[in-house]
């Protein structure tokens, strides 16, 4: 289990209010909401770094390259079923 540490942060009042409401709706602590947001930011940074490593700082994928990547995520890995006809 991860070791937790207590920190002090400053946030805008409205953002704090919204986060507290979200925590109440979900039945979790404010810390859980803040931790989730932090993890989301860390994951986004990791995705960006992976993209930069793959394409380089000047070489974002072309629309065609993006389509190929998305297609590779959604391509069926198994053969489609063939309908049998009654003989």
Foldseek 3Di string as FASTA:
>chain_A
DDDDDDDDDDDDPVVLVVLCVVCVVVVHDSVVSVVVVVVVVVVVVVVVVVQCVVQNPPGHDDPVVVVVVVCVVVPDPDDDDDDDDDD
